[in-house]
């Protein structure tokens, strides 16, 4: 009995959650810049809370934004797989919307980098937030992104796509992402989306922590799967 209890404790101590958030910083996001920035900090707060409530699961964060600058792709990694205790709040200088939407490049670059840091048995949750469709990538194509997502999902990674001004479910399906949700690209709509997403995030963390998560699990756990 004692050995079983020790093994259970050891398993909990080994849990790691890699959070990758890929957030649109294109020009159209400027009208909801304040809400996007506040929303990102609310998500950081949620991850910090999860670390406090579930201390045996190390929470790490990679935060990436994307836009275009002088006709070139701009993919910025603000936090690179940092333990959440080392992550500061975002400031206005960290988020300055402009240019186009190189979504595929942002996904390809950040996913390729993070997969080298996620060890076997660790969890990875990828959240993509955008108010528009891909229109500016140079390095990665739709086909390449679908292949990467498919490979990572087979390894147990969970993806959630949250989009505005589009059919988010159909766009997500094209990338082989089975969790998708639309939001209204207004200040009120964005705030509502952040509140709902963080509730889903905390629920997801708890399921992972207790060992109930499966590859096919729906991130939006209180809704029907997409």
C-alpha atoms as a PDB file:
ATOM      1  CA  UNK A   1       0.000   0.000   0.000  1.00  0.00           C
ATOM      2  CA  UNK A   2       2.808   2.372   0.910  1.00  0.00           C
ATOM      3  CA  UNK A   3       4.545   1.803  -2.436  1.00  0.00           C
ATOM      4  CA  UNK A   4       1.333   2.572  -4.318  1.00  0.00           C
ATOM      5  CA  UNK A   5       0.900   5.841  -2.383  1.00  0.00           C
ATOM      6  CA  UNK A   6       4.520   6.801  -3.075  1.00  0.00           C
ATOM      7  CA  UNK A   7       4.073   6.036  -6.776  1.00  0.00           C
ATOM      8  CA  UNK A   8       0.880   8.166  -6.900  1.00  0.00           C
ATOM      9  CA  UNK A   9       2.678  11.101  -5.268  1.00  0.00           C
ATOM     10  CA  UNK A  10       5.617  10.699  -7.646  1.00  0.00           C
ATOM     11  CA  UNK A  11       3.310  10.743 -10.674  1.00  0.00           C
ATOM     12  CA  UNK A  12       1.709  13.991  -9.511  1.00  0.00           C
ATOM     13  CA  UNK A  13       5.084  15.607  -8.968  1.00  0.00           C
ATOM     14  CA  UNK A  14       6.025  14.826 -12.573  1.00  0.00           C
ATOM     15  CA  UNK A  15       3.102  16.674 -14.183  1.00  0.00           C
ATOM     16  CA  UNK A  16       3.992  19.596 -16.439  1.00  0.00           C
ATOM     17  CA  UNK A  17       1.599  21.793 -18.404  1.00  0.00           C
ATOM     18  CA  UNK A  18       3.002  23.768 -21.346  1.00  0.00           C
ATOM     19  CA  UNK A  19       0.634  26.632 -22.258  1.00  0.00           C
ATOM     20  CA  UNK A  20       1.208  28.110 -25.712  1.00  0.00           C
ATOM     21  CA  UNK A  21      -0.887  31.182 -26.508  1.00  0.00           C
ATOM     22  CA  UNK A  22      -0.670  32.565 -30.058  1.00  0.00           C
ATOM     23  CA  UNK A  23      -2.430  35.939 -30.234  1.00  0.00           C
ATOM     24  CA  UNK A  24      -3.198  38.090 -33.252  1.00  0.00           C
ATOM     25  CA  UNK A  25      -1.475  41.488 -33.223  1.00  0.00           C
ATOM     26  CA  UNK A  26      -2.569  42.606 -36.678  1.00  0.00           C
ATOM     27  CA  UNK A  27      -3.946  46.081 -37.353  1.00  0.00           C
ATOM     28  CA  UNK A  28      -7.608  45.114 -36.986  1.00  0.00           C
ATOM     29  CA  UNK A  29      -6.974  44.207 -33.326  1.00  0.00           C
ATOM     30  CA  UNK A  30      -6.259  47.868 -32.541  1.00  0.00           C
ATOM     31  CA  UNK A  31      -9.944  48.588 -31.886  1.00  0.00           C
ATOM     32  CA  UNK A  32      -9.901  46.022 -29.068  1.00  0.00           C
ATOM     33  CA  UNK A  33      -6.278  46.535 -28.015  1.00  0.00           C
ATOM     34  CA  UNK A  34      -7.137  47.334 -24.400  1.00  0.00           C
ATOM     35  CA  UNK A  35      -9.366  44.290 -24.067  1.00  0.00           C
ATOM     36  CA  UNK A  36      -6.782  42.030 -25.728  1.00  0.00           C
ATOM     37  CA  UNK A  37      -4.039  43.206 -23.391  1.00  0.00           C
ATOM     38  CA  UNK A  38      -6.223  42.947 -20.298  1.00  0.00           C
ATOM     39  CA  UNK A  39      -7.461  39.564 -21.458  1.00  0.00           C
ATOM     40  CA  UNK A  40      -3.922  38.237 -21.822  1.00  0.00           C
ATOM     41  CA  UNK A  41      -3.149  39.343 -18.273  1.00  0.00           C
ATOM     42  CA  UNK A  42      -6.346  37.710 -17.031  1.00  0.00           C
ATOM     43  CA  UNK A  43      -5.185  34.450 -18.620  1.00  0.00           C
ATOM     44  CA  UNK A  44      -1.789  34.795 -16.955  1.00  0.00           C
ATOM     45  CA  UNK A  45      -3.651  35.329 -13.686  1.00  0.00           C
ATOM     46  CA  UNK A  46      -5.683  32.171 -14.309  1.00  0.00           C
ATOM     47  CA  UNK A  47      -2.539  30.120 -14.935  1.00  0.00           C
ATOM     48  CA  UNK A  48      -0.979  31.520 -11.752  1.00  0.00           C
ATOM     49  CA  UNK A  49      -4.101  30.525  -9.838  1.00  0.00           C
ATOM     50  CA  UNK A  50      -3.885  27.015 -11.269  1.00  0.00           C
ATOM     51  CA  UNK A  51      -0.273  26.782 -10.105  1.00  0.00           C
ATOM     52  CA  UNK A  52      -1.351  27.747  -6.587  1.00  0.00           C
ATOM     53  CA  UNK A  53      -4.303  25.339  -6.483  1.00  0.00           C
ATOM     54  CA  UNK A  54      -2.453  22.448  -8.158  1.00  0.00           C
ATOM     55  CA  UNK A  55       1.158  22.861  -6.965  1.00  0.00           C
ATOM     56  CA  UNK A  56       2.246  19.435  -8.210  1.00  0.00           C
ATOM     57  CA  UNK A  57       1.633  20.420 -11.845  1.00  0.00           C
ATOM     58  CA  UNK A  58       4.243  22.889 -13.098  1.00  0.00           C
ATOM     59  CA  UNK A  59       2.625  25.541 -15.294  1.00  0.00           C
ATOM     60  CA  UNK A  60       4.785  26.978 -18.074  1.00  0.00           C
ATOM     61  CA  UNK A  61       3.874  29.696 -20.568  1.00  0.00           C
ATOM     62  CA  UNK A  62       4.924  30.552 -24.094  1.00  0.00           C
ATOM     63  CA  UNK A  63       3.246  33.722 -25.369  1.00  0.00           C
ATOM     64  CA  UNK A  64       3.517  34.627 -29.049  1.00  0.00           C
ATOM     65  CA  UNK A  65       2.058  37.524 -31.049  1.00  0.00           C
ATOM     66  CA  UNK A  66       2.038  37.993 -34.820  1.00  0.00           C
ATOM     67  CA  UNK A  67       1.601  40.766 -37.383  1.00  0.00           C
ATOM     68  CA  UNK A  68       3.507  42.212 -40.334  1.00  0.00           C
ATOM     69  CA  UNK A  69       5.985  45.062 -40.302  1.00  0.00           C
ATOM     70  CA  UNK A  70       7.425  46.724 -43.434  1.00  0.00           C
ATOM     71  CA  UNK A  71       6.014  43.893 -45.590  1.00  0.00           C
ATOM     72  CA  UNK A  72       7.783  41.278 -43.479  1.00  0.00           C
ATOM     73  CA  UNK A  73       6.408  38.652 -41.094  1.00  0.00           C
ATOM     74  CA  UNK A  74       6.705  39.621 -37.456  1.00  0.00           C
ATOM     75  CA  UNK A  75       6.354  36.732 -35.006  1.00  0.00           C
ATOM     76  CA  UNK A  76       7.363  37.741 -31.478  1.00  0.00           C
ATOM     77  CA  UNK A  77       7.898  35.398 -28.566  1.00  0.00           C
ATOM     78  CA  UNK A  78       7.363  37.441 -25.410  1.00  0.00           C
ATOM     79  CA  UNK A  79       7.659  34.507 -22.988  1.00  0.00           C
ATOM     80  CA  UNK A  80       9.458  31.325 -23.998  1.00  0.00           C
ATOM     81  CA  UNK A  81       8.222  28.302 -22.003  1.00  0.00           C
ATOM     82  CA  UNK A  82       8.765  30.106 -18.696  1.00  0.00           C
ATOM     83  CA  UNK A  83       7.501  28.762 -15.362  1.00  0.00           C
ATOM     84  CA  UNK A  84       4.451  30.864 -14.586  1.00  0.00           C
ATOM     85  CA  UNK A  85       6.071  32.169 -11.399  1.00  0.00           C
ATOM     86  CA  UNK A  86       8.673  33.877 -13.618  1.00  0.00           C
ATOM     87  CA  UNK A  87       6.101  35.472 -15.941  1.00  0.00           C
ATOM     88  CA  UNK A  88       5.317  39.182 -15.502  1.00  0.00           C
ATOM     89  CA  UNK A  89       2.151  40.921 -16.597  1.00  0.00           C
ATOM     90  CA  UNK A  90       2.098  42.317 -20.132  1.00  0.00           C
ATOM     91  CA  UNK A  91       2.507  46.071 -20.638  1.00  0.00           C
ATOM     92  CA  UNK A  92       1.280  48.346 -23.428  1.00  0.00           C
ATOM     93  CA  UNK A  93       4.699  48.233 -25.076  1.00  0.00           C
ATOM     94  CA  UNK A  94       4.283  44.455 -25.465  1.00  0.00           C
ATOM     95  CA  UNK A  95       1.244  44.736 -27.721  1.00  0.00           C
ATOM     96  CA  UNK A  96       1.040  47.216 -30.605  1.00  0.00           C
ATOM     97  CA  UNK A  97      -1.347  45.996 -33.331  1.00  0.00           C
ATOM     98  CA  UNK A  98      -0.377  46.713 -36.949  1.00  0.00           C
ATOM     99  CA  UNK A  99      -0.171  45.099 -40.367  1.00  0.00           C
ATOM    100  CA  UNK A 100      -1.439  41.773 -41.632  1.00  0.00           C
ATOM    101  CA  UNK A 101      -2.165  38.298 -40.293  1.00  0.00           C
ATOM    102  CA  UNK A 102       0.697  35.754 -40.756  1.00  0.00           C
ATOM    103  CA  UNK A 103      -1.166  33.121 -38.738  1.00  0.00           C
ATOM    104  CA  UNK A 104       0.485  30.089 -40.345  1.00  0.00           C
ATOM    105  CA  UNK A 105       3.993  31.430 -39.749  1.00  0.00           C
ATOM    106  CA  UNK A 106       3.174  32.191 -36.119  1.00  0.00           C
ATOM    107  CA  UNK A 107       1.833  28.691 -35.599  1.00  0.00           C
ATOM    108  CA  UNK A 108       4.593  26.944 -37.514  1.00  0.00           C
ATOM    109  CA  UNK A 109       7.441  28.796 -35.831  1.00  0.00           C
ATOM    110  CA  UNK A 110       6.100  28.514 -32.283  1.00  0.00           C
ATOM    111  CA  UNK A 111       4.915  24.902 -32.545  1.00  0.00           C
ATOM    112  CA  UNK A 112       8.182  23.711 -34.080  1.00  0.00           C
ATOM    113  CA  UNK A 113      10.129  25.365 -31.289  1.00  0.00           C
ATOM    114  CA  UNK A 114       7.934  24.221 -28.421  1.00  0.00           C
ATOM    115  CA  UNK A 115       7.803  20.588 -29.490  1.00  0.00           C
ATOM    116  CA  UNK A 116      11.528  20.371 -28.743  1.00  0.00           C
ATOM    117  CA  UNK A 117      10.803  21.378 -25.130  1.00  0.00           C
ATOM    118  CA  UNK A 118       7.801  19.161 -24.371  1.00  0.00           C
ATOM    119  CA  UNK A 119       8.921  15.814 -22.992  1.00  0.00           C
ATOM    120  CA  UNK A 120       7.058  12.522 -23.247  1.00  0.00           C
ATOM    121  CA  UNK A 121       4.186  12.420 -20.770  1.00  0.00           C
ATOM    122  CA  UNK A 122       3.924  16.181 -20.371  1.00  0.00           C
ATOM    123  CA  UNK A 123       0.790  18.134 -21.325  1.00  0.00           C
ATOM    124  CA  UNK A 124       0.595  20.847 -23.974  1.00  0.00           C
ATOM    125  CA  UNK A 125      -2.332  23.215 -24.514  1.00  0.00           C
ATOM    126  CA  UNK A 126      -2.214  25.472 -27.567  1.00  0.00           C
ATOM    127  CA  UNK A 127      -4.656  28.381 -27.848  1.00  0.00           C
ATOM    128  CA  UNK A 128      -4.911  30.495 -31.000  1.00  0.00           C
ATOM    129  CA  UNK A 129      -6.821  33.796 -30.848  1.00  0.00           C
ATOM    130  CA  UNK A 130      -7.404  35.845 -34.001  1.00  0.00           C
ATOM    131  CA  UNK A 131      -9.933  38.301 -35.391  1.00  0.00           C
ATOM    132  CA  UNK A 132      -9.195  37.489 -39.033  1.00  0.00           C
ATOM    133  CA  UNK A 133      -7.991  34.955 -41.551  1.00  0.00           C
ATOM    134  CA  UNK A 134      -4.442  34.130 -42.608  1.00  0.00           C
ATOM    135  CA  UNK A 135      -3.196  36.592 -45.245  1.00  0.00           C
ATOM    136  CA  UNK A 136       0.553  37.199 -44.861  1.00  0.00           C
ATOM    137  CA  UNK A 137       2.627  34.072 -44.154  1.00  0.00           C
ATOM    138  CA  UNK A 138       5.794  33.295 -46.114  1.00  0.00           C
ATOM    139  CA  UNK A 139       7.336  30.251 -44.407  1.00  0.00           C
ATOM    140  CA  UNK A 140       4.384  27.960 -43.703  1.00  0.00           C
ATOM    141  CA  UNK A 141       1.365  26.894 -45.770  1.00  0.00           C
ATOM    142  CA  UNK A 142      -2.040  25.586 -44.730  1.00  0.00           C
ATOM    143  CA  UNK A 143      -0.915  22.065 -45.646  1.00  0.00           C
ATOM    144  CA  UNK A 144       2.223  22.335 -43.511  1.00  0.00           C
ATOM    145  CA  UNK A 145       0.281  23.597 -40.487  1.00  0.00           C
ATOM    146  CA  UNK A 146      -2.255  20.793 -40.780  1.00  0.00           C
ATOM    147  CA  UNK A 147       0.585  18.251 -40.830  1.00  0.00           C
ATOM    148  CA  UNK A 148       2.225  19.757 -37.736  1.00  0.00           C
ATOM    149  CA  UNK A 149      -1.066  19.922 -35.814  1.00  0.00           C
ATOM    150  CA  UNK A 150      -1.900  16.329 -36.758  1.00  0.00           C
ATOM    151  CA  UNK A 151       1.490  15.086 -35.569  1.00  0.00           C
ATOM    152  CA  UNK A 152       1.255  16.950 -32.262  1.00  0.00           C
ATOM    153  CA  UNK A 153      -2.310  15.861 -31.594  1.00  0.00           C
ATOM    154  CA  UNK A 154      -1.153  12.274 -32.017  1.00  0.00           C
ATOM    155  CA  UNK A 155       1.343  13.005 -29.227  1.00  0.00           C
ATOM    156  CA  UNK A 156      -1.468  14.221 -26.971  1.00  0.00           C
ATOM    157  CA  UNK A 157      -1.349  17.973 -27.521  1.00  0.00           C
ATOM    158  CA  UNK A 158      -4.685  19.805 -27.268  1.00  0.00           C
ATOM    159  CA  UNK A 159      -5.525  22.716 -29.569  1.00  0.00           C
ATOM    160  CA  UNK A 160      -8.210  25.392 -29.246  1.00  0.00           C
ATOM    161  CA  UNK A 161      -8.934  27.892 -32.022  1.00  0.00           C
ATOM    162  CA  UNK A 162     -10.869  31.055 -31.147  1.00  0.00           C
ATOM    163  CA  UNK A 163     -11.721  33.303 -34.089  1.00  0.00           C
ATOM    164  CA  UNK A 164     -13.831  36.326 -35.043  1.00  0.00           C
ATOM    165  CA  UNK A 165     -15.139  37.507 -38.439  1.00  0.00           C
ATOM    166  CA  UNK A 166     -15.039  33.962 -39.827  1.00  0.00           C
ATOM    167  CA  UNK A 167     -16.509  30.491 -39.530  1.00  0.00           C
ATOM    168  CA  UNK A 168     -14.082  29.455 -36.806  1.00  0.00           C
ATOM    169  CA  UNK A 169     -15.209  25.829 -36.772  1.00  0.00           C
ATOM    170  CA  UNK A 170     -14.547  25.380 -40.494  1.00  0.00           C
ATOM    171  CA  UNK A 171     -11.225  27.245 -40.353  1.00  0.00           C
ATOM    172  CA  UNK A 172     -10.121  25.072 -37.437  1.00  0.00           C
ATOM    173  CA  UNK A 173     -11.134  21.878 -39.244  1.00  0.00           C
ATOM    174  CA  UNK A 174      -8.885  22.846 -42.161  1.00  0.00           C
ATOM    175  CA  UNK A 175      -5.977  22.747 -39.690  1.00  0.00           C
ATOM    176  CA  UNK A 176      -7.246  19.530 -38.038  1.00  0.00           C
ATOM    177  CA  UNK A 177      -8.159  21.389 -34.845  1.00  0.00           C
ATOM    178  CA  UNK A 178     -11.278  19.916 -33.245  1.00  0.00           C
ATOM    179  CA  UNK A 179     -11.881  22.594 -30.591  1.00  0.00           C
ATOM    180  CA  UNK A 180     -13.148  25.870 -32.025  1.00  0.00           C
ATOM    181  CA  UNK A 181     -15.217  28.807 -30.945  1.00  0.00           C
ATOM    182  CA  UNK A 182     -16.275  32.149 -32.418  1.00  0.00           C
ATOM    183  CA  UNK A 183     -16.365  35.472 -30.628  1.00  0.00           C
ATOM    184  CA  UNK A 184     -17.679  38.930 -31.391  1.00  0.00           C
ATOM    185  CA  UNK A 185     -14.780  41.296 -32.221  1.00  0.00           C
ATOM    186  CA  UNK A 186     -16.089  44.106 -30.019  1.00  0.00           C
ATOM    187  CA  UNK A 187     -14.801  45.227 -26.608  1.00  0.00           C
ATOM    188  CA  UNK A 188     -17.725  43.517 -24.908  1.00  0.00           C
ATOM    189  CA  UNK A 189     -17.438  40.412 -27.073  1.00  0.00           C
ATOM    190  CA  UNK A 190     -13.738  40.033 -26.406  1.00  0.00           C
ATOM    191  CA  UNK A 191     -14.173  40.397 -22.655  1.00  0.00           C
ATOM    192  CA  UNK A 192     -16.896  37.747 -22.688  1.00  0.00           C
ATOM    193  CA  UNK A 193     -14.681  35.391 -24.711  1.00  0.00           C
ATOM    194  CA  UNK A 194     -11.749  35.793 -22.283  1.00  0.00           C
ATOM    195  CA  UNK A 195     -13.959  35.048 -19.293  1.00  0.00           C
ATOM    196  CA  UNK A 196     -15.325  31.891 -20.924  1.00  0.00           C
ATOM    197  CA  UNK A 197     -11.929  30.738 -22.200  1.00  0.00           C
ATOM    198  CA  UNK A 198     -10.318  31.059 -18.790  1.00  0.00           C
ATOM    199  CA  UNK A 199     -13.121  29.028 -17.214  1.00  0.00           C
ATOM    200  CA  UNK A 200     -12.526  26.284 -19.795  1.00  0.00           C
ATOM    201  CA  UNK A 201      -8.779  26.529 -19.207  1.00  0.00           C
ATOM    202  CA  UNK A 202      -9.109  25.996 -15.458  1.00  0.00           C
ATOM    203  CA  UNK A 203     -11.469  23.068 -16.013  1.00  0.00           C
ATOM    204  CA  UNK A 204      -8.976  21.555 -18.465  1.00  0.00           C
ATOM    205  CA  UNK A 205      -6.130  21.944 -15.950  1.00  0.00           C
ATOM    206  CA  UNK A 206      -8.140  20.182 -13.268  1.00  0.00           C
ATOM    207  CA  UNK A 207      -8.967  17.255 -15.560  1.00  0.00           C
ATOM    208  CA  UNK A 208      -5.317  16.899 -16.512  1.00  0.00           C
ATOM    209  CA  UNK A 209      -4.263  17.143 -12.877  1.00  0.00           C
ATOM    210  CA  UNK A 210      -6.626  14.362 -11.869  1.00  0.00           C
ATOM    211  CA  UNK A 211      -5.645  12.215 -14.843  1.00  0.00           C
ATOM    212  CA  UNK A 212      -8.971  12.377 -16.696  1.00  0.00           C
ATOM    213  CA  UNK A 213      -7.731  14.017 -19.906  1.00  0.00           C
ATOM    214  CA  UNK A 214      -7.565  12.120 -23.196  1.00  0.00           C
ATOM    215  CA  UNK A 215      -6.333  13.136 -26.649  1.00  0.00           C
ATOM    216  CA  UNK A 216      -9.917  13.292 -27.906  1.00  0.00           C
ATOM    217  CA  UNK A 217     -11.212  15.382 -24.979  1.00  0.00           C
ATOM    218  CA  UNK A 218     -13.022  18.587 -25.830  1.00  0.00           C
ATOM    219  CA  UNK A 219     -11.333  21.707 -24.470  1.00  0.00           C
ATOM    220  CA  UNK A 220     -14.705  23.411 -24.329  1.00  0.00           C
ATOM    221  CA  UNK A 221     -15.757  20.661 -21.956  1.00  0.00           C
ATOM    222  CA  UNK A 222     -19.273  21.860 -21.139  1.00  0.00           C
ATOM    223  CA  UNK A 223     -20.258  22.093 -24.778  1.00  0.00           C
ATOM    224  CA  UNK A 224     -20.694  19.542 -27.524  1.00  0.00           C
ATOM    225  CA  UNK A 225     -17.530  18.691 -29.398  1.00  0.00           C
ATOM    226  CA  UNK A 226     -16.997  20.582 -32.612  1.00  0.00           C
END
